[in-house]
N, C-alpha and C. Protein backbone atom coordinates (compact mmCIF):
# COMPACT_ATOMS: atom_id res chain seq x y z
N MET A 1 64.32 90.19 80.81
CA MET A 1 64.54 90.64 82.17
C MET A 1 65.83 91.46 82.29
N LEU A 2 66.96 90.92 81.75
CA LEU A 2 68.23 91.64 81.83
C LEU A 2 68.20 92.92 81.00
N LYS A 3 67.54 92.85 79.85
CA LYS A 3 67.42 94.06 79.01
C LYS A 3 66.58 95.12 79.71
N ASP A 4 65.58 94.68 80.48
CA ASP A 4 64.77 95.63 81.25
C ASP A 4 65.61 96.31 82.32
N LEU A 5 66.44 95.52 83.01
CA LEU A 5 67.34 96.09 84.02
C LEU A 5 68.33 97.05 83.36
N SER A 6 68.82 96.67 82.21
CA SER A 6 69.75 97.53 81.47
C SER A 6 69.09 98.87 81.16
N ARG A 7 67.84 98.81 80.72
CA ARG A 7 67.13 100.05 80.39
C ARG A 7 66.91 100.92 81.63
N VAL A 8 66.59 100.29 82.76
CA VAL A 8 66.40 101.04 84.01
C VAL A 8 67.69 101.77 84.38
N TYR A 9 68.80 101.05 84.33
CA TYR A 9 70.08 101.69 84.66
C TYR A 9 70.47 102.76 83.64
N MET A 10 70.15 102.52 82.37
CA MET A 10 70.45 103.52 81.35
C MET A 10 69.65 104.80 81.61
N LEU A 11 68.37 104.65 81.89
CA LEU A 11 67.54 105.82 82.16
C LEU A 11 67.99 106.56 83.41
N GLU A 12 68.41 105.79 84.43
CA GLU A 12 68.94 106.41 85.65
C GLU A 12 70.25 107.14 85.33
N GLY A 13 71.09 106.54 84.51
CA GLY A 13 72.33 107.19 84.08
C GLY A 13 72.05 108.47 83.31
N PHE A 14 71.06 108.42 82.43
CA PHE A 14 70.68 109.61 81.68
C PHE A 14 70.17 110.70 82.61
N ARG A 15 69.40 110.31 83.62
CA ARG A 15 68.88 111.29 84.59
C ARG A 15 70.04 111.96 85.31
N TYR A 16 71.02 111.17 85.75
CA TYR A 16 72.19 111.75 86.42
C TYR A 16 72.97 112.65 85.48
N LEU A 17 73.13 112.21 84.24
CA LEU A 17 73.85 113.02 83.25
C LEU A 17 73.13 114.35 83.04
N SER A 18 71.82 114.31 82.95
CA SER A 18 71.02 115.53 82.78
C SER A 18 71.15 116.47 83.98
N ASN A 19 71.41 115.88 85.15
CA ASN A 19 71.56 116.67 86.37
C ASN A 19 73.03 117.00 86.67
N LYS A 20 73.89 116.81 85.67
CA LYS A 20 75.32 117.15 85.77
C LYS A 20 76.04 116.36 86.85
N LYS A 21 75.65 115.11 87.04
CA LYS A 21 76.28 114.21 88.00
C LYS A 21 76.97 113.10 87.22
N MET A 22 78.14 113.45 86.66
CA MET A 22 78.85 112.55 85.76
C MET A 22 79.27 111.25 86.43
N ASN A 23 79.77 111.32 87.65
CA ASN A 23 80.26 110.11 88.33
C ASN A 23 79.12 109.10 88.50
N SER A 24 77.98 109.57 88.96
CA SER A 24 76.81 108.69 89.14
C SER A 24 76.29 108.20 87.80
N ALA A 25 76.33 109.06 86.80
CA ALA A 25 75.89 108.65 85.46
C ALA A 25 76.77 107.51 84.95
N ILE A 26 78.08 107.65 85.11
CA ILE A 26 79.00 106.61 84.64
C ILE A 26 78.71 105.28 85.33
N LEU A 27 78.53 105.30 86.64
CA LEU A 27 78.25 104.06 87.37
C LEU A 27 77.00 103.37 86.84
N ASN A 28 75.94 104.14 86.63
CA ASN A 28 74.68 103.55 86.16
C ASN A 28 74.77 103.09 84.71
N LEU A 29 75.46 103.84 83.88
CA LEU A 29 75.60 103.45 82.47
C LEU A 29 76.47 102.21 82.34
N GLU A 30 77.51 102.09 83.16
CA GLU A 30 78.32 100.87 83.14
C GLU A 30 77.50 99.66 83.59
N LYS A 31 76.63 99.84 84.58
CA LYS A 31 75.75 98.75 85.01
C LYS A 31 74.79 98.38 83.88
N SER A 32 74.29 99.39 83.20
CA SER A 32 73.38 99.14 82.08
C SER A 32 74.04 98.24 81.03
N ILE A 33 75.28 98.55 80.73
CA ILE A 33 76.01 97.77 79.72
C ILE A 33 76.34 96.37 80.23
N LEU A 34 76.54 96.23 81.54
CA LEU A 34 76.76 94.89 82.10
C LEU A 34 75.55 93.99 81.89
N PHE A 35 74.37 94.56 82.01
CA PHE A 35 73.14 93.78 81.84
C PHE A 35 72.77 93.57 80.38
N ASP A 36 73.24 94.45 79.51
CA ASP A 36 72.99 94.28 78.08
C ASP A 36 74.18 94.87 77.33
N ASP A 37 75.10 94.00 76.94
CA ASP A 37 76.31 94.50 76.30
C ASP A 37 76.09 94.91 74.85
N ASN A 38 74.84 94.97 74.42
CA ASN A 38 74.49 95.49 73.10
C ASN A 38 73.70 96.80 73.19
N ASN A 39 73.65 97.40 74.37
CA ASN A 39 72.87 98.63 74.58
C ASN A 39 73.66 99.84 74.07
N CYS A 40 73.46 100.13 72.80
CA CYS A 40 74.20 101.22 72.15
C CYS A 40 73.87 102.58 72.75
N GLU A 41 72.62 102.77 73.15
CA GLU A 41 72.25 104.06 73.76
C GLU A 41 73.06 104.31 75.02
N ALA A 42 73.18 103.29 75.87
CA ALA A 42 73.96 103.42 77.10
C ALA A 42 75.43 103.66 76.77
N MET A 43 75.94 102.97 75.76
CA MET A 43 77.34 103.16 75.36
C MET A 43 77.58 104.59 74.88
N ASN A 44 76.66 105.09 74.09
CA ASN A 44 76.82 106.44 73.56
C ASN A 44 76.80 107.48 74.69
N LEU A 45 75.91 107.30 75.65
CA LEU A 45 75.86 108.21 76.80
C LEU A 45 77.12 108.10 77.64
N LEU A 46 77.58 106.88 77.85
CA LEU A 46 78.81 106.67 78.61
C LEU A 46 80.00 107.33 77.91
N GLY A 47 80.05 107.21 76.60
CA GLY A 47 81.10 107.88 75.83
C GLY A 47 81.06 109.39 76.01
N LEU A 48 79.86 109.96 76.04
CA LEU A 48 79.74 111.40 76.26
C LEU A 48 80.26 111.80 77.64
N CYS A 49 79.99 110.97 78.64
CA CYS A 49 80.52 111.24 79.99
C CYS A 49 82.04 111.23 79.96
N PHE A 50 82.61 110.19 79.36
CA PHE A 50 84.07 110.08 79.29
C PHE A 50 84.66 111.28 78.55
N TYR A 51 84.04 111.66 77.45
CA TYR A 51 84.51 112.80 76.65
C TYR A 51 84.52 114.07 77.52
N THR A 52 83.44 114.32 78.20
CA THR A 52 83.32 115.52 79.03
C THR A 52 84.36 115.54 80.14
N LEU A 53 84.72 114.37 80.64
CA LEU A 53 85.72 114.29 81.70
C LEU A 53 87.15 114.21 81.15
N GLY A 54 87.29 114.35 79.83
CA GLY A 54 88.61 114.37 79.21
C GLY A 54 89.22 113.01 78.97
N SER A 55 88.45 111.96 79.12
CA SER A 55 88.93 110.58 78.89
C SER A 55 88.59 110.19 77.45
N PHE A 56 89.32 110.77 76.52
CA PHE A 56 88.99 110.64 75.10
C PHE A 56 89.21 109.22 74.57
N LYS A 57 90.24 108.55 75.06
CA LYS A 57 90.48 107.18 74.60
C LYS A 57 89.33 106.27 75.02
N GLU A 58 88.86 106.44 76.25
CA GLU A 58 87.73 105.64 76.73
C GLU A 58 86.47 105.96 75.94
N ALA A 59 86.27 107.24 75.66
CA ALA A 59 85.09 107.65 74.88
C ALA A 59 85.13 107.01 73.49
N LYS A 60 86.27 107.13 72.85
CA LYS A 60 86.39 106.57 71.49
C LYS A 60 86.21 105.06 71.51
N SER A 61 86.78 104.40 72.50
CA SER A 61 86.66 102.95 72.60
C SER A 61 85.21 102.51 72.74
N ILE A 62 84.48 103.16 73.61
CA ILE A 62 83.07 102.77 73.83
C ILE A 62 82.22 103.13 72.61
N TRP A 63 82.52 104.25 71.96
CA TRP A 63 81.76 104.61 70.75
C TRP A 63 82.09 103.65 69.61
N ASN A 64 83.34 103.24 69.49
CA ASN A 64 83.69 102.25 68.46
C ASN A 64 82.94 100.95 68.70
N ARG A 65 82.86 100.56 69.96
CA ARG A 65 82.12 99.34 70.31
C ARG A 65 80.65 99.47 69.91
N SER A 66 80.08 100.64 70.17
CA SER A 66 78.70 100.89 69.79
C SER A 66 78.53 100.81 68.26
N CYS A 67 79.50 101.34 67.53
CA CYS A 67 79.44 101.30 66.07
C CYS A 67 79.54 99.87 65.53
N LEU A 68 80.32 99.03 66.20
CA LEU A 68 80.42 97.63 65.78
C LEU A 68 79.09 96.90 65.95
N ILE A 69 78.36 97.28 66.98
CA ILE A 69 77.06 96.64 67.24
C ILE A 69 76.00 97.18 66.30
N ASN A 70 76.03 98.49 66.08
CA ASN A 70 75.04 99.12 65.21
C ASN A 70 75.75 100.11 64.30
N SER A 71 75.99 99.69 63.07
CA SER A 71 76.72 100.55 62.12
C SER A 71 75.80 101.41 61.27
N LYS A 72 74.51 101.44 61.61
CA LYS A 72 73.56 102.25 60.85
C LYS A 72 73.83 103.73 61.08
N GLU A 73 73.44 104.53 60.11
CA GLU A 73 73.70 105.97 60.19
C GLU A 73 73.00 106.65 61.35
N ASP A 74 71.94 106.05 61.88
CA ASP A 74 71.21 106.69 62.99
C ASP A 74 71.92 106.51 64.34
N ASN A 75 73.00 105.75 64.38
CA ASN A 75 73.76 105.59 65.61
C ASN A 75 74.65 106.83 65.78
N ARG A 76 74.38 107.60 66.83
CA ARG A 76 75.12 108.84 67.07
C ARG A 76 76.60 108.61 67.31
N ALA A 77 76.97 107.40 67.70
CA ALA A 77 78.38 107.10 67.94
C ALA A 77 79.22 107.35 66.69
N LEU A 78 78.64 107.15 65.52
CA LEU A 78 79.37 107.40 64.28
C LEU A 78 79.82 108.85 64.20
N SER A 79 78.91 109.77 64.48
CA SER A 79 79.28 111.20 64.42
C SER A 79 80.21 111.57 65.57
N TYR A 80 80.03 110.94 66.72
CA TYR A 80 80.94 111.22 67.85
C TYR A 80 82.36 110.80 67.50
N CYS A 81 82.52 109.61 66.93
CA CYS A 81 83.86 109.14 66.53
C CYS A 81 84.45 110.06 65.47
N ASN A 82 83.63 110.46 64.52
CA ASN A 82 84.11 111.37 63.48
C ASN A 82 84.55 112.70 64.06
N SER A 83 83.85 113.18 65.08
CA SER A 83 84.21 114.48 65.67
C SER A 83 85.60 114.42 66.32
N LEU A 84 85.99 113.24 66.82
CA LEU A 84 87.32 113.09 67.42
C LEU A 84 88.43 113.14 66.37
N GLU A 85 88.06 112.97 65.11
CA GLU A 85 89.04 113.00 64.02
C GLU A 85 89.09 114.35 63.32
N GLU A 86 88.17 115.25 63.68
CA GLU A 86 88.12 116.56 63.04
C GLU A 86 89.28 117.43 63.49
N GLU A 87 89.71 118.31 62.61
CA GLU A 87 90.84 119.20 62.90
C GLU A 87 90.56 120.09 64.11
N GLU A 88 89.33 120.52 64.27
CA GLU A 88 88.98 121.40 65.40
C GLU A 88 89.24 120.69 66.73
N PHE A 89 88.84 119.42 66.82
CA PHE A 89 89.08 118.68 68.06
C PHE A 89 90.58 118.43 68.25
N LYS A 90 91.26 118.04 67.19
CA LYS A 90 92.70 117.78 67.30
C LYS A 90 93.45 119.03 67.77
N ALA A 91 93.04 120.19 67.24
CA ALA A 91 93.68 121.45 67.65
C ALA A 91 93.40 121.73 69.12
N LEU A 92 92.18 121.47 69.55
CA LEU A 92 91.80 121.68 70.95
C LEU A 92 92.62 120.75 71.85
N TYR A 93 92.72 119.51 71.49
CA TYR A 93 93.47 118.51 72.26
C TYR A 93 94.95 118.88 72.32
N ASN A 94 95.51 119.27 71.19
CA ASN A 94 96.93 119.66 71.14
C ASN A 94 97.19 120.92 71.96
N SER A 95 96.25 121.87 71.91
CA SER A 95 96.38 123.09 72.71
C SER A 95 96.39 122.76 74.19
N TYR A 96 95.50 121.87 74.59
CA TYR A 96 95.45 121.48 76.00
C TYR A 96 96.78 120.86 76.43
N ASN A 97 97.30 119.94 75.64
CA ASN A 97 98.56 119.28 75.99
C ASN A 97 99.72 120.27 76.04
N GLU A 98 99.73 121.21 75.11
CA GLU A 98 100.77 122.23 75.11
C GLU A 98 100.63 123.13 76.35
N ALA A 99 99.42 123.51 76.67
CA ALA A 99 99.18 124.34 77.86
C ALA A 99 99.56 123.59 79.12
N LEU A 100 99.23 122.31 79.18
CA LEU A 100 99.57 121.49 80.33
C LEU A 100 101.08 121.42 80.52
N LYS A 101 101.81 121.23 79.44
CA LYS A 101 103.27 121.19 79.51
C LYS A 101 103.82 122.52 80.01
N ASN A 102 103.32 123.63 79.47
CA ASN A 102 103.79 124.95 79.90
C ASN A 102 103.47 125.20 81.36
N ALA A 103 102.28 124.82 81.78
CA ALA A 103 101.91 125.02 83.19
C ALA A 103 102.79 124.18 84.10
N LYS A 104 103.06 122.95 83.68
CA LYS A 104 103.94 122.08 84.47
C LYS A 104 105.33 122.69 84.61
N ASP A 105 105.76 123.40 83.58
CA ASP A 105 107.07 124.06 83.59
C ASP A 105 107.02 125.43 84.29
N GLY A 106 105.86 125.77 84.86
CA GLY A 106 105.73 127.03 85.58
C GLY A 106 105.41 128.24 84.71
N GLN A 107 105.13 128.00 83.44
CA GLN A 107 104.81 129.10 82.52
C GLN A 107 103.29 129.25 82.43
N TYR A 108 102.70 129.71 83.53
CA TYR A 108 101.24 129.76 83.65
C TYR A 108 100.60 130.77 82.70
N LYS A 109 101.25 131.91 82.53
CA LYS A 109 100.67 132.92 81.63
C LYS A 109 100.64 132.42 80.19
N LYS A 110 101.70 131.74 79.79
CA LYS A 110 101.75 131.18 78.44
C LYS A 110 100.67 130.10 78.29
N ALA A 111 100.56 129.25 79.29
CA ALA A 111 99.52 128.20 79.26
C ALA A 111 98.14 128.83 79.20
N ASP A 112 97.94 129.90 79.95
CA ASP A 112 96.65 130.60 79.96
C ASP A 112 96.31 131.14 78.58
N ARG A 113 97.30 131.71 77.90
CA ARG A 113 97.06 132.26 76.55
C ARG A 113 96.68 131.14 75.57
N ILE A 114 97.29 129.98 75.75
CA ILE A 114 97.00 128.85 74.85
C ILE A 114 95.55 128.39 75.03
N LEU A 115 95.09 128.39 76.27
CA LEU A 115 93.72 127.95 76.57
C LEU A 115 92.76 129.12 76.42
N LYS A 116 92.43 129.43 75.21
CA LYS A 116 91.56 130.58 74.93
C LYS A 116 90.18 130.37 75.53
N ASP A 117 89.62 131.44 76.09
CA ASP A 117 88.32 131.35 76.77
C ASP A 117 87.21 130.82 75.88
N GLU A 118 87.13 131.30 74.64
CA GLU A 118 86.03 130.88 73.77
C GLU A 118 86.09 129.38 73.46
N ILE A 119 87.28 128.84 73.39
CA ILE A 119 87.42 127.40 73.15
C ILE A 119 86.90 126.63 74.36
N LEU A 120 87.24 127.10 75.54
CA LEU A 120 86.79 126.44 76.76
C LEU A 120 85.28 126.43 76.88
N ILE A 121 84.68 127.58 76.68
CA ILE A 121 83.23 127.70 76.82
C ILE A 121 82.53 126.76 75.85
N LYS A 122 83.08 126.65 74.66
CA LYS A 122 82.49 125.79 73.65
C LYS A 122 82.67 124.31 73.97
N SER A 123 83.80 123.95 74.56
CA SER A 123 84.12 122.53 74.73
C SER A 123 83.43 121.87 75.91
N ASN A 124 83.32 122.56 77.04
CA ASN A 124 82.78 121.98 78.28
C ASN A 124 83.52 120.72 78.71
N ILE A 125 84.80 120.67 78.45
CA ILE A 125 85.63 119.54 78.86
C ILE A 125 86.26 119.92 80.19
N VAL A 126 85.93 119.18 81.23
CA VAL A 126 86.27 119.56 82.59
C VAL A 126 87.77 119.78 82.82
N PRO A 127 88.67 118.87 82.41
CA PRO A 127 90.09 119.12 82.67
C PRO A 127 90.62 120.41 82.03
N PHE A 128 90.08 120.78 80.88
CA PHE A 128 90.52 122.02 80.23
C PHE A 128 90.15 123.22 81.10
N ILE A 129 88.93 123.20 81.62
CA ILE A 129 88.45 124.30 82.46
C ILE A 129 89.25 124.35 83.76
N LYS A 130 89.53 123.18 84.33
CA LYS A 130 90.30 123.13 85.58
C LYS A 130 91.70 123.70 85.38
N LEU A 131 92.35 123.33 84.28
CA LEU A 131 93.69 123.83 84.01
C LEU A 131 93.68 125.35 83.82
N LYS A 132 92.71 125.84 83.10
CA LYS A 132 92.60 127.30 82.89
C LYS A 132 92.45 127.99 84.25
N GLY A 133 91.65 127.43 85.13
CA GLY A 133 91.49 128.00 86.47
C GLY A 133 92.79 128.00 87.25
N LEU A 134 93.54 126.91 87.15
CA LEU A 134 94.83 126.84 87.84
C LEU A 134 95.81 127.88 87.31
N CYS A 135 95.78 128.09 86.00
CA CYS A 135 96.65 129.12 85.41
C CYS A 135 96.26 130.50 85.92
N LYS A 136 94.97 130.76 86.01
CA LYS A 136 94.50 132.05 86.53
C LYS A 136 94.93 132.22 87.98
N LEU A 137 94.80 131.15 88.77
CA LEU A 137 95.20 131.22 90.18
C LEU A 137 96.70 131.49 90.30
N ALA A 138 97.50 130.79 89.50
CA ALA A 138 98.95 130.97 89.55
C ALA A 138 99.35 132.38 89.12
N ALA A 139 98.55 132.99 88.26
CA ALA A 139 98.82 134.36 87.81
C ALA A 139 98.27 135.40 88.79
N GLY A 140 97.66 134.93 89.87
CA GLY A 140 97.16 135.84 90.90
C GLY A 140 95.72 136.26 90.75
N ASN A 141 95.00 135.65 89.82
CA ASN A 141 93.60 136.02 89.61
C ASN A 141 92.69 134.95 90.22
N ARG A 142 92.59 134.98 91.54
CA ARG A 142 91.79 133.99 92.27
C ARG A 142 90.32 134.07 91.90
N VAL A 143 89.80 135.27 91.71
CA VAL A 143 88.38 135.44 91.39
C VAL A 143 88.03 134.74 90.08
N LYS A 144 88.86 134.93 89.06
CA LYS A 144 88.63 134.28 87.76
C LYS A 144 88.80 132.76 87.88
N ALA A 145 89.79 132.33 88.68
CA ALA A 145 90.02 130.89 88.87
C ALA A 145 88.78 130.25 89.48
N VAL A 146 88.26 130.85 90.53
CA VAL A 146 87.06 130.30 91.19
C VAL A 146 85.88 130.31 90.23
N SER A 147 85.76 131.36 89.43
CA SER A 147 84.68 131.43 88.44
C SER A 147 84.78 130.27 87.44
N LEU A 148 85.99 129.98 86.98
CA LEU A 148 86.19 128.87 86.04
C LEU A 148 85.87 127.54 86.71
N TRP A 149 86.30 127.37 87.94
CA TRP A 149 86.03 126.11 88.64
C TRP A 149 84.54 125.93 88.88
N ARG A 150 83.85 127.03 89.11
CA ARG A 150 82.39 126.92 89.23
C ARG A 150 81.77 126.50 87.91
N GLN A 151 82.35 126.98 86.82
CA GLN A 151 81.90 126.55 85.48
C GLN A 151 82.11 125.04 85.34
N ALA A 152 83.24 124.54 85.82
CA ALA A 152 83.51 123.10 85.77
C ALA A 152 82.48 122.33 86.60
N LEU A 153 82.10 122.89 87.74
CA LEU A 153 81.07 122.24 88.58
C LEU A 153 79.71 122.25 87.90
N GLU A 154 79.46 123.24 87.05
CA GLU A 154 78.19 123.25 86.30
C GLU A 154 78.15 122.12 85.28
N VAL A 155 79.30 121.64 84.88
CA VAL A 155 79.37 120.51 83.95
C VAL A 155 79.32 119.19 84.71
N ASN A 156 80.06 119.11 85.82
CA ASN A 156 80.06 117.92 86.67
C ASN A 156 80.07 118.36 88.13
N ASN A 157 78.88 118.41 88.72
CA ASN A 157 78.81 118.91 90.10
C ASN A 157 79.23 117.88 91.14
N GLU A 158 79.72 116.74 90.70
CA GLU A 158 80.25 115.73 91.62
C GLU A 158 81.79 115.73 91.64
N ASP A 159 82.41 116.68 91.02
CA ASP A 159 83.87 116.74 90.95
C ASP A 159 84.42 117.31 92.26
N MET A 160 84.79 116.41 93.15
CA MET A 160 85.26 116.83 94.48
C MET A 160 86.63 117.51 94.41
N GLU A 161 87.39 117.23 93.38
CA GLU A 161 88.67 117.90 93.20
C GLU A 161 88.44 119.40 92.99
N VAL A 162 87.45 119.75 92.19
CA VAL A 162 87.13 121.16 91.95
C VAL A 162 86.64 121.82 93.23
N VAL A 163 85.81 121.11 93.97
CA VAL A 163 85.33 121.66 95.26
C VAL A 163 86.52 121.95 96.16
N LYS A 164 87.48 121.04 96.18
CA LYS A 164 88.69 121.24 96.99
C LYS A 164 89.50 122.43 96.48
N TYR A 165 89.61 122.59 95.18
CA TYR A 165 90.32 123.75 94.62
C TYR A 165 89.70 125.04 95.13
N ILE A 166 88.39 125.10 95.06
CA ILE A 166 87.69 126.32 95.49
C ILE A 166 87.93 126.57 96.97
N ALA A 167 87.80 125.52 97.77
CA ALA A 167 88.00 125.67 99.22
C ALA A 167 89.44 126.08 99.53
N ASP A 168 90.40 125.40 98.91
CA ASP A 168 91.81 125.70 99.18
C ASP A 168 92.22 127.07 98.68
N SER A 169 91.60 127.54 97.60
CA SER A 169 92.00 128.84 97.05
C SER A 169 91.53 130.00 97.92
N THR A 170 90.60 129.75 98.81
CA THR A 170 90.16 130.83 99.70
C THR A 170 91.17 131.04 100.82
N ASP A 171 92.05 130.07 101.02
CA ASP A 171 93.12 130.16 102.01
C ASP A 171 94.40 130.55 101.26
N SER A 172 95.00 131.66 101.61
CA SER A 172 96.17 132.13 100.86
C SER A 172 97.30 131.10 100.86
N ASN A 173 97.39 130.27 101.88
CA ASN A 173 98.41 129.22 101.91
C ASN A 173 98.04 128.05 101.01
N GLY A 174 96.78 127.95 100.63
CA GLY A 174 96.31 126.82 99.85
C GLY A 174 96.56 126.92 98.37
N GLU A 175 96.88 128.11 97.85
CA GLU A 175 97.04 128.28 96.41
C GLU A 175 98.13 127.37 95.84
N GLY A 176 99.28 127.32 96.48
CA GLY A 176 100.35 126.44 96.01
C GLY A 176 99.95 124.98 96.10
N THR A 177 99.20 124.64 97.13
CA THR A 177 98.74 123.27 97.31
C THR A 177 97.81 122.87 96.19
N VAL A 178 96.92 123.76 95.79
CA VAL A 178 95.97 123.48 94.71
C VAL A 178 96.72 123.14 93.43
N ILE A 179 97.69 123.96 93.08
CA ILE A 179 98.45 123.76 91.85
C ILE A 179 99.27 122.48 91.93
N TYR A 180 99.95 122.28 93.04
CA TYR A 180 100.76 121.07 93.22
C TYR A 180 99.90 119.81 93.09
N ASN A 181 98.77 119.78 93.79
CA ASN A 181 97.91 118.59 93.77
C ASN A 181 97.35 118.31 92.38
N PHE A 182 97.03 119.37 91.63
CA PHE A 182 96.51 119.17 90.28
C PHE A 182 97.53 118.43 89.43
N PHE A 183 98.76 118.92 89.41
CA PHE A 183 99.77 118.30 88.57
C PHE A 183 100.14 116.91 89.06
N ARG A 184 100.17 116.72 90.36
CA ARG A 184 100.44 115.39 90.90
C ARG A 184 99.37 114.40 90.42
N ASN A 185 98.10 114.81 90.48
CA ASN A 185 97.00 113.94 90.06
C ASN A 185 96.97 113.72 88.55
N ILE A 186 97.24 114.75 87.78
CA ILE A 186 97.23 114.63 86.31
C ILE A 186 98.26 113.62 85.86
N PHE A 187 99.46 113.71 86.39
CA PHE A 187 100.53 112.85 85.90
C PHE A 187 100.48 111.47 86.54
N LYS A 188 99.78 111.33 87.62
CA LYS A 188 99.58 110.01 88.24
C LYS A 188 98.65 109.18 87.38
N ARG A 189 97.67 109.80 86.70
CA ARG A 189 96.68 109.09 85.89
C ARG A 189 97.25 108.54 84.60
N LYS A 190 98.32 109.11 84.09
CA LYS A 190 98.82 108.71 82.76
C LYS A 190 99.63 107.48 82.79
């Protein structure tokens, strides 16, 4: 009975994930795991949600848990964990942190150069895209900023922070507010 409920929530989580509704997917996948704490499929999907939202520690933790339950080669969590150890991911992560530091220091153009467009398109990691948009906005390119934020919404269309960025950026007085709120929220989470 509980495993059946777990599967229902997992499938609902997968449906939300497929529809780019990360927040709803996470809620359903967490419920799935509550009903069956050995549901590796739900864990793997939840890890993908966390990864996409830039919560790499949470992603790795849930994937490691999945690997402990099922260490067979067919468990995708093994490859997900390995990808977090690859040089390409480490370089991407380090670039983001360097860009974030530069943007926090007001060096938006430098941060923008660090966050190369091709890396962003390939990664689909929402915070990276949001930061790139903020750098574009700070450099005076509102059109490109809004375009990037729309790209972030295509990955997670439940991201109300991005919706607020887009709305605030249409008001010339809102540009500074968008940048200020982003950094306030980023550093509040750590």
